[in-house]
Amino acid sequence: MDDVLFKHLSDLARGAFKRGDARFSRFLDPAERAHARRAAAEAGVQVAFYGGYPDAERAVCAFYMADAPDEADWPVVCVRAAWDARFGEAAHRDLLGAEMALGLDRACLGDIAMGKDAAYLFALEDAARYLEGNLTGAGRCKLQLMRVDGPGPLAEPDGRVKRITVGSMRLDAVVSGAYNLSRSEAQRLIARELVKLNHVPEVRADARVRAGDLISARGYGRAKLLHEAEETRKGRLALQLMVYGG
């Protein structure tokens, strides 16, 4: 699959070089974006990513020669999905499940950004039209869909600050402390490719974690390292994490 994706991205990058105009991919996850950067470097073109809002996890890639595409040029559509809060609330997992139940290709769909009174679904044009015509509900909520220029105010992720101490900044040590696991349990999760570091699967238990890094472990939620480690009197490292979900 990686070889097929890289060939497709390479074709787009070479097309941008030959024609001089921007060429756009489908939505890529953070690990796939590494292939896009490699394809751009080999073709001698520039590369940029846009998912519809700042810090989007899934983003479309643009290959171009000189001028980066304007925001209006990107093939990313934002669809607002609203519901009547008196009868419930659609969670992120409900909305994603409803999208997938329509049989759409995941590569045509971007993030789902949760707002205070609605959600914002990002998609390519054809997928956006299909959503508008067929996505009527999520969970127990009926949805009203409307295409908008961009998302409104987004909800802050529901997280809590957690303080831990570790012997080193190894990934297995931080995962162990963040999710109250034994070191061996953390290592097994990492070995099974169930842990991501900055959205990319990481199989090295001794990978170094730094301030600002985002860790996710399947079934346990996400954790972000807020500050550089401070050494305690006993020679251990004190960390502050923002832990989400789990």
Protein backbone atom coordinates (compact mmCIF):
# COMPACT_ATOMS: atom_id res chain seq x y z
CA MET A 1 0.00 0.00 0.00
CA ASP A 2 2.82 2.42 0.81
CA ASP A 3 4.41 1.73 -2.60
CA VAL A 4 1.11 2.41 -4.38
CA LEU A 5 0.59 5.64 -2.44
CA PHE A 6 4.14 6.83 -3.07
CA LYS A 7 3.81 6.18 -6.82
CA HIS A 8 0.57 8.17 -6.90
CA LEU A 9 2.14 11.06 -4.99
CA SER A 10 5.22 10.94 -7.20
CA ASP A 11 3.01 11.20 -10.30
CA LEU A 12 1.33 14.28 -8.83
CA ALA A 13 4.66 15.86 -7.92
CA ARG A 14 6.10 15.24 -11.39
CA GLY A 15 2.95 16.66 -12.94
CA ALA A 16 3.36 19.85 -10.93
CA PHE A 17 6.96 20.10 -12.11
CA LYS A 18 6.10 19.58 -15.78
CA ARG A 19 2.95 21.72 -15.93
CA GLY A 20 3.90 24.38 -13.39
CA ASP A 21 0.48 24.34 -11.71
CA ALA A 22 -0.49 22.92 -8.33
CA ARG A 23 -1.52 19.27 -8.04
CA PHE A 24 -3.57 18.09 -5.06
CA SER A 25 -3.76 14.72 -3.34
CA ARG A 26 -6.58 13.20 -1.35
CA PHE A 27 -6.49 13.43 2.44
CA LEU A 28 -3.34 12.05 4.02
CA ASP A 29 -2.70 11.11 7.62
CA PRO A 30 0.53 12.32 9.31
CA ALA A 31 2.43 9.13 8.47
CA GLU A 32 1.42 9.35 4.80
CA ARG A 33 2.57 12.97 4.62
CA ALA A 34 6.15 11.72 4.97
CA HIS A 35 5.71 10.01 1.58
CA ALA A 36 4.49 13.30 0.10
CA ARG A 37 7.56 15.17 1.36
CA ARG A 38 9.82 12.50 -0.16
CA ALA A 39 7.95 12.65 -3.48
CA ALA A 40 8.25 16.44 -3.56
CA ALA A 41 11.99 16.31 -2.85
CA GLU A 42 12.61 13.76 -5.60
CA ALA A 43 10.58 15.77 -8.13
CA GLY A 44 12.11 19.12 -7.19
CA VAL A 45 8.86 20.81 -6.20
CA GLN A 46 7.44 22.45 -3.09
CA VAL A 47 4.85 20.81 -0.85
CA ALA A 48 2.21 22.14 1.52
CA PHE A 49 -0.64 20.62 3.55
CA TYR A 50 -4.11 21.90 4.44
CA GLY A 51 -6.96 20.18 6.25
CA GLY A 52 -9.47 23.01 6.56
CA TYR A 53 -8.38 24.44 9.90
CA PRO A 54 -5.16 24.86 11.93
CA ASP A 55 -3.62 21.67 13.35
CA ALA A 56 -5.79 19.34 11.26
CA GLU A 57 -4.60 15.76 11.60
CA ARG A 58 -5.75 14.68 8.13
CA ALA A 59 -4.76 17.05 5.35
CA VAL A 60 -4.66 17.38 1.57
CA CYS A 61 -1.21 17.75 0.02
CA ALA A 62 -0.40 20.32 -2.68
CA PHE A 63 2.64 19.99 -4.93
CA TYR A 64 3.66 23.26 -6.58
CA MET A 65 6.64 25.04 -8.14
CA ALA A 66 6.72 28.62 -6.85
CA ASP A 67 3.56 30.05 -5.31
CA ALA A 68 1.65 28.09 -2.67
CA PRO A 69 -2.09 27.70 -3.38
CA ASP A 70 -4.43 30.26 -1.87
CA GLU A 71 -6.86 28.92 0.71
CA ALA A 72 -9.72 29.17 -1.81
CA ASP A 73 -7.82 26.95 -4.28
CA TRP A 74 -7.66 23.91 -2.02
CA PRO A 75 -10.20 21.14 -2.78
CA VAL A 76 -11.28 20.97 0.87
CA VAL A 77 -14.97 21.49 1.68
CA CYS A 78 -16.33 22.21 5.17
CA VAL A 79 -19.81 20.91 6.01
CA ARG A 80 -21.47 22.01 9.25
CA ALA A 81 -23.50 19.27 10.95
CA ALA A 82 -25.90 20.61 13.58
CA TRP A 83 -28.40 18.88 15.86
CA ASP A 84 -31.05 19.82 18.41
CA ALA A 85 -29.30 19.65 21.78
CA ARG A 86 -32.64 19.08 23.53
CA PHE A 87 -32.67 15.54 22.16
CA GLY A 88 -29.03 14.60 22.64
CA GLU A 89 -25.59 15.30 21.29
CA ALA A 90 -23.64 13.66 18.48
CA ALA A 91 -20.19 12.56 19.64
CA HIS A 92 -17.13 12.39 17.40
CA ARG A 93 -17.31 8.59 17.25
CA ASP A 94 -21.00 8.76 16.25
CA LEU A 95 -20.24 11.12 13.38
CA LEU A 96 -17.27 9.12 12.12
CA GLY A 97 -19.28 5.92 12.31
CA ALA A 98 -22.11 7.53 10.33
CA GLU A 99 -19.67 8.71 7.65
CA MET A 100 -18.09 5.26 7.33
CA ALA A 101 -21.52 3.59 7.16
CA LEU A 102 -22.16 5.47 3.91
CA GLY A 103 -19.34 3.51 2.27
CA LEU A 104 -17.19 6.54 1.47
CA ASP A 105 -13.48 6.12 0.83
CA ARG A 106 -11.63 7.30 3.97
CA ALA A 107 -9.13 9.13 1.77
CA CYS A 108 -11.95 11.45 0.64
CA LEU A 109 -12.71 12.47 4.22
CA GLY A 110 -10.73 14.75 6.50
CA ASP A 111 -11.10 15.51 10.18
CA ILE A 112 -14.27 15.93 12.17
CA ALA A 113 -13.80 19.06 14.29
CA MET A 114 -16.19 19.39 17.20
CA GLY A 115 -17.68 22.82 17.87
CA LYS A 116 -19.72 24.08 20.79
CA ASP A 117 -23.08 23.48 19.11
CA ALA A 118 -22.20 21.62 15.92
CA ALA A 119 -19.51 19.57 14.22
CA TYR A 120 -17.53 20.43 11.10
CA LEU A 121 -16.91 17.69 8.58
CA PHE A 122 -14.09 18.15 6.08
CA ALA A 123 -14.20 16.33 2.75
CA LEU A 124 -13.31 16.49 -0.92
CA GLU A 125 -15.99 17.93 -3.22
CA ASP A 126 -17.63 14.68 -4.38
CA ALA A 127 -17.66 13.25 -0.86
CA ALA A 128 -19.06 16.50 0.54
CA ARG A 129 -21.96 16.39 -1.92
CA TYR A 130 -22.66 12.79 -0.95
CA LEU A 131 -22.65 13.69 2.73
CA GLU A 132 -25.04 16.57 2.11
CA GLY A 133 -27.48 14.27 0.36
CA ASN A 134 -27.22 11.14 2.52
CA LEU A 135 -25.95 11.86 6.04
CA THR A 136 -29.14 12.36 8.02
CA GLY A 137 -28.20 11.24 11.51
CA ALA A 138 -25.43 10.21 13.91
CA GLY A 139 -26.04 8.21 17.05
CA ARG A 140 -29.53 9.18 18.18
CA CYS A 141 -29.35 12.66 16.68
CA LYS A 142 -30.89 13.92 13.49
CA LEU A 143 -28.48 16.14 11.60
CA GLN A 144 -28.95 19.31 9.59
CA LEU A 145 -26.07 19.74 7.13
CA MET A 146 -24.97 22.99 5.53
CA ARG A 147 -21.86 23.85 3.57
CA VAL A 148 -19.90 26.70 5.18
CA ASP A 149 -16.70 28.60 4.38
CA GLY A 150 -14.94 27.30 7.48
CA PRO A 151 -15.47 26.07 11.02
CA GLY A 152 -16.88 28.21 13.76
CA PRO A 153 -15.50 28.20 17.32
CA LEU A 154 -14.17 24.76 18.19
CA ALA A 155 -14.60 23.05 21.53
CA GLU A 156 -11.53 22.62 23.71
CA PRO A 157 -10.55 18.97 24.09
CA ASP A 158 -11.68 17.56 27.42
CA GLY A 159 -8.43 16.83 29.24
CA ARG A 160 -6.80 16.85 32.65
CA VAL A 161 -3.30 17.68 33.82
CA LYS A 162 -1.39 14.69 35.16
CA ARG A 163 1.97 14.81 36.92
CA ILE A 164 4.27 11.81 36.75
CA THR A 165 7.91 11.00 37.38
CA VAL A 166 9.98 8.81 35.08
CA GLY A 167 13.51 7.49 35.04
CA SER A 168 14.15 8.66 31.47
CA MET A 169 12.40 10.31 28.52
CA ARG A 170 11.98 6.98 26.74
CA LEU A 171 8.60 6.44 25.11
CA ASP A 172 7.87 3.30 27.12
CA ALA A 173 8.52 5.13 30.38
CA VAL A 174 6.20 8.03 29.48
CA VAL A 175 3.46 5.72 28.18
CA SER A 176 3.71 3.70 31.38
CA GLY A 177 3.29 6.78 33.57
CA ALA A 178 0.65 8.47 31.43
CA TYR A 179 -1.71 5.48 31.39
CA ASN A 180 -0.85 3.76 34.68
CA LEU A 181 0.65 0.74 32.95
CA SER A 182 3.61 -1.40 33.85
CA ARG A 183 6.73 -0.85 31.77
CA SER A 184 6.29 -4.26 30.12
CA GLU A 185 2.65 -3.49 29.25
CA ALA A 186 3.76 -0.22 27.64
CA GLN A 187 6.45 -2.03 25.67
CA ARG A 188 3.94 -4.58 24.39
CA LEU A 189 1.62 -1.82 23.17
CA ILE A 190 4.52 -0.16 21.36
CA ALA A 191 5.71 -3.43 19.81
CA ARG A 192 2.18 -4.10 18.50
CA GLU A 193 2.17 -0.68 16.77
CA LEU A 194 -0.65 0.56 19.00
CA VAL A 195 1.23 3.68 20.12
CA LYS A 196 1.69 6.80 18.01
CA LEU A 197 4.15 9.61 18.61
CA ASN A 198 3.03 12.85 16.96
CA HIS A 199 0.41 10.89 14.98
CA VAL A 200 2.95 8.43 13.53
CA PRO A 201 3.16 4.80 14.75
CA GLU A 202 6.35 4.31 16.78
CA VAL A 203 7.74 0.83 17.43
CA ARG A 204 10.90 1.90 19.26
CA ALA A 205 10.38 1.68 23.00
CA ASP A 206 13.46 3.87 23.51
CA ALA A 207 12.26 6.70 21.22
CA ARG A 208 12.80 10.03 22.98
CA VAL A 209 9.79 12.13 24.00
CA ARG A 210 10.12 15.93 24.06
CA ALA A 211 8.02 18.87 25.23
CA GLY A 212 5.06 19.42 22.92
CA ASP A 213 4.99 15.82 21.71
CA LEU A 214 1.61 14.10 21.41
CA ILE A 215 1.29 10.45 22.36
CA SER A 216 -1.69 8.24 21.66
CA ALA A 217 -2.23 4.65 22.74
CA ARG A 218 -5.15 2.75 21.27
CA GLY A 219 -7.80 2.23 23.92
CA TYR A 220 -6.14 4.61 26.39
CA GLY A 221 -6.55 8.06 24.81
CA ARG A 222 -4.01 10.78 24.11
CA ALA A 223 -1.44 12.62 26.18
CA LYS A 224 0.58 15.75 25.42
CA LEU A 225 3.84 16.55 27.19
CA LEU A 226 3.44 20.13 28.35
CA HIS A 227 6.89 21.10 29.60
CA GLU A 228 10.51 20.03 29.56
CA ALA A 229 11.33 17.57 32.32
CA GLU A 230 12.58 18.82 35.66
CA GLU A 231 14.92 16.68 37.75
CA THR A 232 13.71 15.75 41.22
CA ARG A 233 15.88 15.45 44.33
CA LYS A 234 15.95 11.70 43.79
CA GLY A 235 17.30 12.08 40.26
CA ARG A 236 14.07 11.23 38.47
CA LEU A 237 12.36 13.42 35.89
CA ALA A 238 9.11 15.21 36.75
CA LEU A 239 6.67 15.64 33.85
CA GLN A 240 3.36 17.40 33.33
CA LEU A 241 1.01 15.82 30.78
CA MET A 242 -2.37 16.86 29.46
CA VAL A 243 -4.28 13.59 29.18
CA TYR A 244 -7.35 13.30 26.95
CA GLY A 245 -9.80 10.43 26.88
CA GLY A 246 -8.99 7.00 28.13
